[in-house]
Amino acid sequence: MSSLTRVQKVMVYPINVIFKFLQSKARIQIWLYDQANLRLEGQVLGFDEFMNIVLGDAEEIHTKKNTRKALGRIMLKGDNITLISQAPEQAQQE
């Protein structure tokens, strides 16, 4: 008989993922709701229970025009966020 090992799956809360980005000072990319050609990148400086996020060194990225615009420190309302991920490596090196 083969021994079966049981792997327990642990639920990951979204707020914990954002907190890890904050702790690691990672640069993140945010996709905006209803703005398919516009993305934001920056470093998480703070957030709240509504997923409002303060970004430092934020940049606005136009995917069609392939342009970047520096915004500095911004506060993004959680209602506008569709996706949050770590920024691609090439964007972090620029």
C-alpha atoms as a PDB file:
ATOM      1  CA  MET A   1       0.000   0.000   0.000  1.00  0.00           C
ATOM      2  CA  SER A   2       1.151   3.499  -0.689  1.00  0.00           C
ATOM      3  CA  SER A   3       0.934   6.020   2.068  1.00  0.00           C
ATOM      4  CA  LEU A   4      -1.245   8.977   1.322  1.00  0.00           C
ATOM      5  CA  THR A   5      -0.190  12.321   2.679  1.00  0.00           C
ATOM      6  CA  ARG A   6      -2.767  14.924   3.209  1.00  0.00           C
ATOM      7  CA  VAL A   7      -1.918  18.501   2.356  1.00  0.00           C
ATOM      8  CA  GLN A   8      -3.898  21.046   4.251  1.00  0.00           C
ATOM      9  CA  LYS A   9      -4.807  24.073   2.195  1.00  0.00           C
ATOM     10  CA  VAL A  10      -4.663  27.351   4.028  1.00  0.00           C
ATOM     11  CA  MET A  11      -6.816  30.280   3.025  1.00  0.00           C
ATOM     12  CA  VAL A  12      -4.836  33.397   2.132  1.00  0.00           C
ATOM     13  CA  TYR A  13      -6.541  36.684   2.915  1.00  0.00           C
ATOM     14  CA  PRO A  14      -6.104  39.506   0.350  1.00  0.00           C
ATOM     15  CA  ILE A  15      -5.152  41.948   3.098  1.00  0.00           C
ATOM     16  CA  ASN A  16      -2.231  39.655   4.041  1.00  0.00           C
ATOM     17  CA  VAL A  17      -0.928  39.687   0.466  1.00  0.00           C
ATOM     18  CA  ILE A  18      -0.948  43.487   0.419  1.00  0.00           C
ATOM     19  CA  PHE A  19       0.737  43.519   3.840  1.00  0.00           C
ATOM     20  CA  LYS A  20       3.545  41.303   2.489  1.00  0.00           C
ATOM     21  CA  PHE A  21       4.062  43.742  -0.397  1.00  0.00           C
ATOM     22  CA  LEU A  22       4.253  46.538   2.191  1.00  0.00           C
ATOM     23  CA  GLN A  23       6.746  44.667   4.396  1.00  0.00           C
ATOM     24  CA  SER A  24       9.015  43.605   1.536  1.00  0.00           C
ATOM     25  CA  LYS A  25       8.888  47.067  -0.079  1.00  0.00           C
ATOM     26  CA  ALA A  26       8.191  45.337  -3.386  1.00  0.00           C
ATOM     27  CA  ARG A  27       7.163  47.339  -6.425  1.00  0.00           C
ATOM     28  CA  ILE A  28       3.644  46.361  -7.447  1.00  0.00           C
ATOM     29  CA  GLN A  29       1.520  46.772 -10.554  1.00  0.00           C
ATOM     30  CA  ILE A  30      -2.185  47.578 -10.290  1.00  0.00           C
ATOM     31  CA  TRP A  31      -4.714  47.026 -13.049  1.00  0.00           C
ATOM     32  CA  LEU A  32      -7.524  49.545 -12.928  1.00  0.00           C
ATOM     33  CA  TYR A  33     -11.238  48.835 -13.168  1.00  0.00           C
ATOM     34  CA  ASP A  34     -12.693  49.885 -16.547  1.00  0.00           C
ATOM     35  CA  GLN A  35      -9.271  51.153 -17.773  1.00  0.00           C
ATOM     36  CA  ALA A  36      -7.804  48.284 -19.810  1.00  0.00           C
ATOM     37  CA  ASN A  37      -4.938  50.335 -21.277  1.00  0.00           C
ATOM     38  CA  LEU A  38      -3.833  51.994 -18.050  1.00  0.00           C
ATOM     39  CA  ARG A  39      -1.819  50.476 -15.208  1.00  0.00           C
ATOM     40  CA  LEU A  40      -0.211  51.898 -12.083  1.00  0.00           C
ATOM     41  CA  GLU A  41       3.079  50.865 -10.538  1.00  0.00           C
ATOM     42  CA  GLY A  42       4.552  51.847  -7.222  1.00  0.00           C
ATOM     43  CA  GLN A  43       5.569  50.820  -3.738  1.00  0.00           C
ATOM     44  CA  VAL A  44       2.884  50.217  -1.099  1.00  0.00           C
ATOM     45  CA  LEU A  45       3.242  52.771   1.701  1.00  0.00           C
ATOM     46  CA  GLY A  46      -0.089  52.045   3.388  1.00  0.00           C
ATOM     47  CA  PHE A  47      -3.576  50.588   2.988  1.00  0.00           C
ATOM     48  CA  ASP A  48      -6.838  50.124   4.871  1.00  0.00           C
ATOM     49  CA  GLU A  49      -9.665  47.600   5.184  1.00  0.00           C
ATOM     50  CA  PHE A  50     -11.366  49.025   2.056  1.00  0.00           C
ATOM     51  CA  MET A  51      -8.222  48.292   0.006  1.00  0.00           C
ATOM     52  CA  ASN A  52      -7.528  51.999  -0.456  1.00  0.00           C
ATOM     53  CA  ILE A  53      -3.789  52.050  -1.132  1.00  0.00           C
ATOM     54  CA  VAL A  54      -1.118  54.727  -0.799  1.00  0.00           C
ATOM     55  CA  LEU A  55       1.613  54.231  -3.409  1.00  0.00           C
ATOM     56  CA  GLY A  56       5.031  55.847  -3.365  1.00  0.00           C
ATOM     57  CA  ASP A  57       7.058  56.570  -6.526  1.00  0.00           C
ATOM     58  CA  ALA A  58       3.915  55.790  -8.514  1.00  0.00           C
ATOM     59  CA  GLU A  59       3.934  55.691 -12.291  1.00  0.00           C
ATOM     60  CA  GLU A  60       1.050  55.639 -14.742  1.00  0.00           C
ATOM     61  CA  ILE A  61       1.687  53.188 -17.587  1.00  0.00           C
ATOM     62  CA  HIS A  62      -0.164  53.390 -20.904  1.00  0.00           C
ATOM     63  CA  THR A  63       0.072  49.923 -22.432  1.00  0.00           C
ATOM     64  CA  LYS A  64      -0.976  50.960 -25.962  1.00  0.00           C
ATOM     65  CA  LYS A  65       1.301  54.010 -26.177  1.00  0.00           C
ATOM     66  CA  ASN A  66       4.047  52.246 -24.177  1.00  0.00           C
ATOM     67  CA  THR A  67       4.633  55.402 -22.123  1.00  0.00           C
ATOM     68  CA  ARG A  68       5.207  56.076 -18.425  1.00  0.00           C
ATOM     69  CA  LYS A  69       4.279  59.154 -16.436  1.00  0.00           C
ATOM     70  CA  ALA A  70       5.690  59.774 -12.954  1.00  0.00           C
ATOM     71  CA  LEU A  71       2.983  60.573 -10.391  1.00  0.00           C
ATOM     72  CA  GLY A  72       4.906  60.543  -7.097  1.00  0.00           C
ATOM     73  CA  ARG A  73       2.896  59.656  -3.982  1.00  0.00           C
ATOM     74  CA  ILE A  74      -0.768  58.882  -4.653  1.00  0.00           C
ATOM     75  CA  MET A  75      -3.789  57.451  -2.856  1.00  0.00           C
ATOM     76  CA  LEU A  76      -5.786  54.993  -4.948  1.00  0.00           C
ATOM     77  CA  LYS A  77      -9.362  54.223  -3.916  1.00  0.00           C
ATOM     78  CA  GLY A  78      -9.982  50.498  -3.559  1.00  0.00           C
ATOM     79  CA  ASP A  79     -13.052  50.600  -5.846  1.00  0.00           C
ATOM     80  CA  ASN A  80     -10.734  51.256  -8.811  1.00  0.00           C
ATOM     81  CA  ILE A  81      -8.553  48.183  -8.299  1.00  0.00           C
ATOM     82  CA  THR A  82      -9.044  45.075 -10.426  1.00  0.00           C
ATOM     83  CA  LEU A  83      -5.749  43.250  -9.871  1.00  0.00           C
ATOM     84  CA  ILE A  84      -2.614  43.678  -7.742  1.00  0.00           C
ATOM     85  CA  SER A  85       0.610  41.835  -8.551  1.00  0.00           C
ATOM     86  CA  GLN A  86       4.335  42.254  -8.188  1.00  0.00           C
ATOM     87  CA  ALA A  87       5.640  44.482 -10.976  1.00  0.00           C
ATOM     88  CA  PRO A  88       7.457  42.739 -13.838  1.00  0.00           C
ATOM     89  CA  GLU A  89      11.246  42.625 -13.438  1.00  0.00           C
ATOM     90  CA  GLN A  90      11.998  44.883 -16.424  1.00  0.00           C
ATOM     91  CA  ALA A  91       9.792  47.582 -14.906  1.00  0.00           C
ATOM     92  CA  GLN A  92      11.630  47.322 -11.573  1.00  0.00           C
ATOM     93  CA  GLN A  93      15.039  47.820 -13.209  1.00  0.00           C
ATOM     94  CA  GLU A  94      14.144  50.990 -15.130  1.00  0.00           C
END
